[in-house]
Amino acid sequence: MPTPDEAGLTARERQVIELIGRGLRGRAAAARLGMAYFTLRKHRLNILRKLGLTTAAQLSAAAAAMLAQPPAPDSDFNCAGTD
């Protein structure tokens, strides 16, 4: 599976996947990012496509795995500002 950098995720998509990895779902993640729920769903669909995933369970597992790995020094993956 490609990394967020390799997959070409946008900054907003990286924020969404980070919140998914932290366990936030749907409306809670949308509220945290100040966006509509349906906008979050579109970002989630784009992430699935870019990472070559097909289910929400795969996305949750991939997001958790990405958070478990330390980011590369030149990566901007941890950009959600949730800490």
PDB file of N, CA and C in Angstrom:
ATOM      1  N   MET A   1       0.838  -1.169   0.000  1.00  0.00           N
ATOM      2  CA  MET A   1       0.000   0.000   0.000  1.00  0.00           C
ATOM      3  C   MET A   1       0.889   1.240   0.000  1.00  0.00           C
ATOM      4  N   PRO A   2       0.547   2.221  -0.803  1.00  0.00           N
ATOM      5  CA  PRO A   2       1.372   3.435  -0.848  1.00  0.00           C
ATOM      6  C   PRO A   2       1.208   4.263   0.426  1.00  0.00           C
ATOM      7  N   THR A   3       2.221   5.040   0.725  1.00  0.00           N
ATOM      8  CA  THR A   3       2.138   5.974   1.849  1.00  0.00           C
ATOM      9  C   THR A   3       1.270   7.157   1.419  1.00  0.00           C
ATOM     10  N   PRO A   4       0.838   8.001   2.370  1.00  0.00           N
ATOM     11  CA  PRO A   4       0.059   9.183   1.980  1.00  0.00           C
ATOM     12  C   PRO A   4       0.800  10.050   0.964  1.00  0.00           C
ATOM     13  N   ASP A   5       2.123  10.163   1.136  1.00  0.00           N
ATOM     14  CA  ASP A   5       2.904  10.952   0.180  1.00  0.00           C
ATOM     15  C   ASP A   5       2.898  10.306  -1.195  1.00  0.00           C
ATOM     16  N   GLU A   6       3.118   9.004  -1.238  1.00  0.00           N
ATOM     17  CA  GLU A   6       3.156   8.288  -2.515  1.00  0.00           C
ATOM     18  C   GLU A   6       1.791   8.265  -3.194  1.00  0.00           C
ATOM     19  N   ALA A   7       0.721   8.243  -2.414  1.00  0.00           N
ATOM     20  CA  ALA A   7      -0.628   8.178  -2.976  1.00  0.00           C
ATOM     21  C   ALA A   7      -1.101   9.524  -3.502  1.00  0.00           C
ATOM     22  N   GLY A   8      -0.390  10.579  -3.182  1.00  0.00           N
ATOM     23  CA  GLY A   8      -0.787  11.902  -3.648  1.00  0.00           C
ATOM     24  C   GLY A   8      -1.983  12.464  -2.899  1.00  0.00           C
ATOM     25  N   LEU A   9      -2.106  12.128  -1.610  1.00  0.00           N
ATOM     26  CA  LEU A   9      -3.216  12.658  -0.822  1.00  0.00           C
ATOM     27  C   LEU A   9      -3.041  14.160  -0.619  1.00  0.00           C
ATOM     28  N   THR A  10      -4.160  14.873  -0.678  1.00  0.00           N
ATOM     29  CA  THR A  10      -4.124  16.305  -0.400  1.00  0.00           C
ATOM     30  C   THR A  10      -3.963  16.509   1.102  1.00  0.00           C
ATOM     31  N   ALA A  11      -3.669  17.727   1.488  1.00  0.00           N
ATOM     32  CA  ALA A  11      -3.521  18.035   2.915  1.00  0.00           C
ATOM     33  C   ALA A  11      -4.817  17.721   3.662  1.00  0.00           C
ATOM     34  N   ARG A  12      -5.946  18.034   3.074  1.00  0.00           N
ATOM     35  CA  ARG A  12      -7.227  17.781   3.729  1.00  0.00           C
ATOM     36  C   ARG A  12      -7.487  16.279   3.847  1.00  0.00           C
ATOM     37  N   GLU A  13      -7.151  15.523   2.810  1.00  0.00           N
ATOM     38  CA  GLU A  13      -7.303  14.069   2.864  1.00  0.00           C
ATOM     39  C   GLU A  13      -6.404  13.478   3.949  1.00  0.00           C
ATOM     40  N   ARG A  14      -5.226  14.042   4.137  1.00  0.00           N
ATOM     41  CA  ARG A  14      -4.327  13.587   5.198  1.00  0.00           C
ATOM     42  C   ARG A  14      -4.926  13.862   6.569  1.00  0.00           C
ATOM     43  N   GLN A  15      -5.582  15.011   6.710  1.00  0.00           N
ATOM     44  CA  GLN A  15      -6.242  15.313   7.969  1.00  0.00           C
ATOM     45  C   GLN A  15      -7.356  14.308   8.246  1.00  0.00           C
ATOM     46  N   VAL A  16      -8.132  13.995   7.219  1.00  0.00           N
ATOM     47  CA  VAL A  16      -9.233  13.036   7.369  1.00  0.00           C
ATOM     48  C   VAL A  16      -8.698  11.671   7.766  1.00  0.00           C
ATOM     49  N   ILE A  17      -7.681  11.177   7.070  1.00  0.00           N
ATOM     50  CA  ILE A  17      -7.163   9.847   7.377  1.00  0.00           C
ATOM     51  C   ILE A  17      -6.525   9.813   8.765  1.00  0.00           C
ATOM     52  N   GLU A  18      -5.943  10.907   9.199  1.00  0.00           N
ATOM     53  CA  GLU A  18      -5.374  10.944  10.545  1.00  0.00           C
ATOM     54  C   GLU A  18      -6.472  10.820  11.590  1.00  0.00           C
ATOM     55  N   LEU A  19      -7.569  11.536  11.410  1.00  0.00           N
ATOM     56  CA  LEU A  19      -8.672  11.445  12.367  1.00  0.00           C
ATOM     57  C   LEU A  19      -9.305  10.058  12.350  1.00  0.00           C
ATOM     58  N   ILE A  20      -9.398   9.449  11.182  1.00  0.00           N
ATOM     59  CA  ILE A  20      -9.902   8.079  11.093  1.00  0.00           C
ATOM     60  C   ILE A  20      -8.989   7.149  11.883  1.00  0.00           C
ATOM     61  N   GLY A  21      -7.693   7.329  11.736  1.00  0.00           N
ATOM     62  CA  GLY A  21      -6.734   6.515  12.466  1.00  0.00           C
ATOM     63  C   GLY A  21      -6.810   6.706  13.971  1.00  0.00           C
ATOM     64  N   ARG A  22      -7.237   7.886  14.394  1.00  0.00           N
ATOM     65  CA  ARG A  22      -7.385   8.173  15.821  1.00  0.00           C
ATOM     66  C   ARG A  22      -8.733   7.701  16.360  1.00  0.00           C
ATOM     67  N   GLY A  23      -9.562   7.135  15.478  1.00  0.00           N
ATOM     68  CA  GLY A  23     -10.825   6.558  15.923  1.00  0.00           C
ATOM     69  C   GLY A  23     -12.047   7.425  15.728  1.00  0.00           C
ATOM     70  N   LEU A  24     -11.893   8.622  15.199  1.00  0.00           N
ATOM     71  CA  LEU A  24     -13.061   9.459  14.956  1.00  0.00           C
ATOM     72  C   LEU A  24     -13.796   8.954  13.724  1.00  0.00           C
ATOM     73  N   ARG A  25     -15.087   9.030  13.758  1.00  0.00           N
ATOM     74  CA  ARG A  25     -15.897   8.565  12.649  1.00  0.00           C
ATOM     75  C   ARG A  25     -16.833   9.659  12.170  1.00  0.00           C
ATOM     76  N   GLY A  26     -17.201   9.573  10.930  1.00  0.00           N
ATOM     77  CA  GLY A  26     -18.261  10.366  10.323  1.00  0.00           C
ATOM     78  C   GLY A  26     -18.413  11.782  10.799  1.00  0.00           C
ATOM     79  N   ARG A  27     -19.536  12.012  11.434  1.00  0.00           N
ATOM     80  CA  ARG A  27     -19.898  13.379  11.819  1.00  0.00           C
ATOM     81  C   ARG A  27     -18.932  13.991  12.831  1.00  0.00           C
ATOM     82  N   ALA A  28     -18.365  13.163  13.701  1.00  0.00           N
ATOM     83  CA  ALA A  28     -17.401  13.690  14.685  1.00  0.00           C
ATOM     84  C   ALA A  28     -16.146  14.204  13.988  1.00  0.00           C
ATOM     85  N   ALA A  29     -15.650  13.464  13.009  1.00  0.00           N
ATOM     86  CA  ALA A  29     -14.468  13.907  12.262  1.00  0.00           C
ATOM     87  C   ALA A  29     -14.796  15.148  11.439  1.00  0.00           C
ATOM     88  N   ALA A  30     -15.968  15.178  10.829  1.00  0.00           N
ATOM     89  CA  ALA A  30     -16.373  16.347  10.041  1.00  0.00           C
ATOM     90  C   ALA A  30     -16.446  17.587  10.927  1.00  0.00           C
ATOM     91  N   ALA A  31     -17.036  17.438  12.109  1.00  0.00           N
ATOM     92  CA  ALA A  31     -17.137  18.570  13.026  1.00  0.00           C
ATOM     93  C   ALA A  31     -15.757  19.043  13.462  1.00  0.00           C
ATOM     94  N   ARG A  32     -14.862  18.118  13.744  1.00  0.00           N
ATOM     95  CA  ARG A  32     -13.499  18.474  14.175  1.00  0.00           C
ATOM     96  C   ARG A  32     -12.799  19.284  13.090  1.00  0.00           C
ATOM     97  N   LEU A  33     -13.051  18.942  11.820  1.00  0.00           N
ATOM     98  CA  LEU A  33     -12.399  19.635  10.707  1.00  0.00           C
ATOM     99  C   LEU A  33     -13.203  20.829  10.200  1.00  0.00           C
ATOM    100  N   GLY A  34     -14.389  21.043  10.755  1.00  0.00           N
ATOM    101  CA  GLY A  34     -15.212  22.184  10.346  1.00  0.00           C
ATOM    102  C   GLY A  34     -15.756  22.045   8.939  1.00  0.00           C
ATOM    103  N   MET A  35     -16.137  20.818   8.569  1.00  0.00           N
ATOM    104  CA  MET A  35     -16.674  20.589   7.228  1.00  0.00           C
ATOM    105  C   MET A  35     -17.979  19.827   7.325  1.00  0.00           C
ATOM    106  N   ALA A  36     -18.729  19.832   6.257  1.00  0.00           N
ATOM    107  CA  ALA A  36     -19.976  19.078   6.198  1.00  0.00           C
ATOM    108  C   ALA A  36     -19.677  17.579   6.164  1.00  0.00           C
ATOM    109  N   TYR A  37     -20.590  16.804   6.713  1.00  0.00           N
ATOM    110  CA  TYR A  37     -20.437  15.354   6.733  1.00  0.00           C
ATOM    111  C   TYR A  37     -20.268  14.793   5.323  1.00  0.00           C
ATOM    112  N   PHE A  38     -21.032  15.306   4.365  1.00  0.00           N
ATOM    113  CA  PHE A  38     -20.953  14.784   3.004  1.00  0.00           C
ATOM    114  C   PHE A  38     -19.624  15.149   2.335  1.00  0.00           C
ATOM    115  N   THR A  39     -19.028  16.263   2.732  1.00  0.00           N
ATOM    116  CA  THR A  39     -17.693  16.604   2.240  1.00  0.00           C
ATOM    117  C   THR A  39     -16.680  15.603   2.774  1.00  0.00           C
ATOM    118  N   LEU A  40     -16.807  15.260   4.054  1.00  0.00           N
ATOM    119  CA  LEU A  40     -15.916  14.259   4.638  1.00  0.00           C
ATOM    120  C   LEU A  40     -16.061  12.922   3.906  1.00  0.00           C
ATOM    121  N   ARG A  41     -17.290  12.548   3.590  1.00  0.00           N
ATOM    122  CA  ARG A  41     -17.508  11.285   2.870  1.00  0.00           C
ATOM    123  C   ARG A  41     -16.817  11.300   1.513  1.00  0.00           C
ATOM    124  N   LYS A  42     -16.841  12.431   0.824  1.00  0.00           N
ATOM    125  CA  LYS A  42     -16.176  12.541  -0.476  1.00  0.00           C
ATOM    126  C   LYS A  42     -14.668  12.410  -0.307  1.00  0.00           C
ATOM    127  N   HIS A  43     -14.110  13.048   0.712  1.00  0.00           N
ATOM    128  CA  HIS A  43     -12.679  12.910   0.975  1.00  0.00           C
ATOM    129  C   HIS A  43     -12.333  11.447   1.254  1.00  0.00           C
ATOM    130  N   ARG A  44     -13.187  10.791   2.044  1.00  0.00           N
ATOM    131  CA  ARG A  44     -12.948   9.383   2.386  1.00  0.00           C
ATOM    132  C   ARG A  44     -12.971   8.510   1.126  1.00  0.00           C
ATOM    133  N   LEU A  45     -13.901   8.765   0.218  1.00  0.00           N
ATOM    134  CA  LEU A  45     -13.948   8.012  -1.046  1.00  0.00           C
ATOM    135  C   LEU A  45     -12.687   8.249  -1.874  1.00  0.00           C
ATOM    136  N   ASN A  46     -12.227   9.486  -1.909  1.00  0.00           N
ATOM    137  CA  ASN A  46     -10.990   9.793  -2.646  1.00  0.00           C
ATOM    138  C   ASN A  46      -9.797   9.063  -2.044  1.00  0.00           C
ATOM    139  N   ILE A  47      -9.736   9.009  -0.712  1.00  0.00           N
ATOM    140  CA  ILE A  47      -8.640   8.312  -0.039  1.00  0.00           C
ATOM    141  C   ILE A  47      -8.683   6.824  -0.375  1.00  0.00           C
ATOM    142  N   LEU A  48      -9.870   6.224  -0.311  1.00  0.00           N
ATOM    143  CA  LEU A  48     -10.007   4.805  -0.654  1.00  0.00           C
ATOM    144  C   LEU A  48      -9.468   4.540  -2.057  1.00  0.00           C
ATOM    145  N   ARG A  49      -9.871   5.377  -3.004  1.00  0.00           N
ATOM    146  CA  ARG A  49      -9.442   5.204  -4.393  1.00  0.00           C
ATOM    147  C   ARG A  49      -7.932   5.348  -4.525  1.00  0.00           C
ATOM    148  N   LYS A  50      -7.379   6.381  -3.921  1.00  0.00           N
ATOM    149  CA  LYS A  50      -5.948   6.644  -4.055  1.00  0.00           C
ATOM    150  C   LYS A  50      -5.081   5.574  -3.392  1.00  0.00           C
ATOM    151  N   LEU A  51      -5.594   4.983  -2.301  1.00  0.00           N
ATOM    152  CA  LEU A  51      -4.826   3.948  -1.604  1.00  0.00           C
ATOM    153  C   LEU A  51      -5.142   2.549  -2.122  1.00  0.00           C
ATOM    154  N   GLY A  52      -6.088   2.434  -3.042  1.00  0.00           N
ATOM    155  CA  GLY A  52      -6.441   1.131  -3.606  1.00  0.00           C
ATOM    156  C   GLY A  52      -7.202   0.253  -2.626  1.00  0.00           C
ATOM    157  N   LEU A  53      -8.001   0.871  -1.769  1.00  0.00           N
ATOM    158  CA  LEU A  53      -8.783   0.143  -0.781  1.00  0.00           C
ATOM    159  C   LEU A  53     -10.249   0.126  -1.210  1.00  0.00           C
ATOM    160  N   THR A  54     -11.025  -0.798  -0.637  1.00  0.00           N
ATOM    161  CA  THR A  54     -12.427  -0.904  -1.039  1.00  0.00           C
ATOM    162  C   THR A  54     -13.418  -0.823   0.112  1.00  0.00           C
ATOM    163  N   THR A  55     -12.971  -0.977   1.350  1.00  0.00           N
ATOM    164  CA  THR A  55     -13.906  -0.967   2.472  1.00  0.00           C
ATOM    165  C   THR A  55     -13.475   0.014   3.553  1.00  0.00           C
ATOM    166  N   ALA A  56     -14.446   0.405   4.360  1.00  0.00           N
ATOM    167  CA  ALA A  56     -14.153   1.289   5.490  1.00  0.00           C
ATOM    168  C   ALA A  56     -13.239   0.595   6.497  1.00  0.00           C
ATOM    169  N   ALA A  57     -13.408  -0.713   6.646  1.00  0.00           N
ATOM    170  CA  ALA A  57     -12.548  -1.464   7.572  1.00  0.00           C
ATOM    171  C   ALA A  57     -11.091  -1.428   7.111  1.00  0.00           C
ATOM    172  N   GLN A  58     -10.874  -1.578   5.804  1.00  0.00           N
ATOM    173  CA  GLN A  58      -9.511  -1.491   5.275  1.00  0.00           C
ATOM    174  C   GLN A  58      -8.935  -0.101   5.513  1.00  0.00           C
ATOM    175  N   LEU A  59      -9.754   0.917   5.324  1.00  0.00           N
ATOM    176  CA  LEU A  59      -9.293   2.287   5.530  1.00  0.00           C
ATOM    177  C   LEU A  59      -8.942   2.522   7.001  1.00  0.00           C
ATOM    178  N   SER A  60      -9.785   2.052   7.905  1.00  0.00           N
ATOM    179  CA  SER A  60      -9.503   2.213   9.335  1.00  0.00           C
ATOM    180  C   SER A  60      -8.202   1.522   9.722  1.00  0.00           C
ATOM    181  N   ALA A  61      -8.004   0.311   9.228  1.00  0.00           N
ATOM    182  CA  ALA A  61      -6.773  -0.427   9.534  1.00  0.00           C
ATOM    183  C   ALA A  61      -5.555   0.278   8.952  1.00  0.00           C
ATOM    184  N   ALA A  62      -5.668   0.758   7.715  1.00  0.00           N
ATOM    185  CA  ALA A  62      -4.548   1.451   7.076  1.00  0.00           C
ATOM    186  C   ALA A  62      -4.231   2.753   7.811  1.00  0.00           C
ATOM    187  N   ALA A  63      -5.263   3.482   8.210  1.00  0.00           N
ATOM    188  CA  ALA A  63      -5.055   4.745   8.924  1.00  0.00           C
ATOM    189  C   ALA A  63      -4.378   4.498  10.270  1.00  0.00           C
ATOM    190  N   ALA A  64      -4.821   3.478  10.986  1.00  0.00           N
ATOM    191  CA  ALA A  64      -4.199   3.153  12.277  1.00  0.00           C
ATOM    192  C   ALA A  64      -2.747   2.732  12.083  1.00  0.00           C
ATOM    193  N   ALA A  65      -2.476   1.955  11.041  1.00  0.00           N
ATOM    194  CA  ALA A  65      -1.103   1.527  10.768  1.00  0.00           C
ATOM    195  C   ALA A  65      -0.218   2.719  10.413  1.00  0.00           C
ATOM    196  N   MET A  66      -0.764   3.666   9.660  1.00  0.00           N
ATOM    197  CA  MET A  66       0.011   4.851   9.285  1.00  0.00           C
ATOM    198  C   MET A  66       0.355   5.687  10.508  1.00  0.00           C
ATOM    199  N   LEU A  67      -0.569   5.785  11.450  1.00  0.00           N
ATOM    200  CA  LEU A  67      -0.296   6.555  12.664  1.00  0.00           C
ATOM    201  C   LEU A  67       0.707   5.856  13.566  1.00  0.00           C
ATOM    202  N   ALA A  68       0.743   4.529  13.490  1.00  0.00           N
ATOM    203  CA  ALA A  68       1.668   3.763  14.328  1.00  0.00           C
ATOM    204  C   ALA A  68       3.114   3.912  13.872  1.00  0.00           C
ATOM    205  N   GLN A  69       3.309   4.255  12.600  1.00  0.00           N
ATOM    206  CA  GLN A  69       4.653   4.438  12.061  1.00  0.00           C
ATOM    207  C   GLN A  69       5.079   5.885  12.263  1.00  0.00           C
ATOM    208  N   PRO A  70       6.341   6.112  12.645  1.00  0.00           N
ATOM    209  CA  PRO A  70       6.795   7.500  12.723  1.00  0.00           C
ATOM    210  C   PRO A  70       6.852   8.088  11.315  1.00  0.00           C
ATOM    211  N   PRO A  71       6.382   9.329  11.153  1.00  0.00           N
ATOM    212  CA  PRO A  71       6.412   9.932   9.819  1.00  0.00           C
ATOM    213  C   PRO A  71       7.842  10.186   9.349  1.00  0.00           C
ATOM    214  N   ALA A  72       8.018  10.148   8.052  1.00  0.00           N
ATOM    215  CA  ALA A  72       9.318  10.471   7.472  1.00  0.00           C
ATOM    216  C   ALA A  72       9.639  11.929   7.800  1.00  0.00           C
ATOM    217  N   PRO A  73      10.916  12.276   7.930  1.00  0.00           N
ATOM    218  CA  PRO A  73      11.289  13.647   8.297  1.00  0.00           C
ATOM    219  C   PRO A  73      10.730  14.706   7.354  1.00  0.00           C
ATOM    220  N   ASP A  74      10.567  14.381   6.071  1.00  0.00           N
ATOM    221  CA  ASP A  74      10.076  15.367   5.112  1.00  0.00           C
ATOM    222  C   ASP A  74       8.580  15.233   4.845  1.00  0.00           C
ATOM    223  N   SER A  75       7.877  14.441   5.643  1.00  0.00           N
ATOM    224  CA  SER A  75       6.443  14.208   5.452  1.00  0.00           C
ATOM    225  C   SER A  75       5.634  15.239   6.221  1.00  0.00           C
ATOM    226  N   ASP A  76       4.468  15.604   5.685  1.00  0.00           N
ATOM    227  CA  ASP A  76       3.560  16.495   6.413  1.00  0.00           C
ATOM    228  C   ASP A  76       2.289  15.737   6.785  1.00  0.00           C
ATOM    229  N   PHE A  77       2.432  14.423   7.050  1.00  0.00           N
ATOM    230  CA  PHE A  77       1.267  13.596   7.354  1.00  0.00           C
ATOM    231  C   PHE A  77       0.550  14.058   8.605  1.00  0.00           C
ATOM    232  N   ASN A  78       1.263  14.412   9.655  1.00  0.00           N
ATOM    233  CA  ASN A  78       0.617  14.819  10.903  1.00  0.00           C
ATOM    234  C   ASN A  78       0.251  16.296  10.807  1.00  0.00           C
ATOM    235  N   CYS A  79      -0.803  16.586  10.052  1.00  0.00           N
ATOM    236  CA  CYS A  79      -1.148  17.979   9.809  1.00  0.00           C
ATOM    237  C   CYS A  79      -2.551  18.314  10.268  1.00  0.00           C
ATOM    238  N   ALA A  80      -3.216  17.431  11.017  1.00  0.00           N
ATOM    239  CA  ALA A  80      -4.590  17.696  11.431  1.00  0.00           C
ATOM    240  C   ALA A  80      -4.671  18.677  12.597  1.00  0.00           C
ATOM    241  N   GLY A  81      -3.572  18.869  13.286  1.00  0.00           N
ATOM    242  CA  GLY A  81      -3.582  19.778  14.415  1.00  0.00           C
ATOM    243  C   GLY A  81      -4.471  19.279  15.539  1.00  0.00           C
ATOM    244  N   THR A  82      -4.483  17.965  15.759  1.00  0.00           N
ATOM    245  CA  THR A  82      -5.363  17.385  16.767  1.00  0.00           C
ATOM    246  C   THR A  82      -4.654  17.137  18.079  1.00  0.00           C
ATOM    247  N   ASP A  83      -3.400  17.462  18.186  1.00  0.00           N
ATOM    248  CA  ASP A  83      -2.652  17.225  19.434  1.00  0.00           C
ATOM    249  C   ASP A  83      -2.727  18.420  20.342  1.00  0.00           C
TER     250      ASP A  83
END
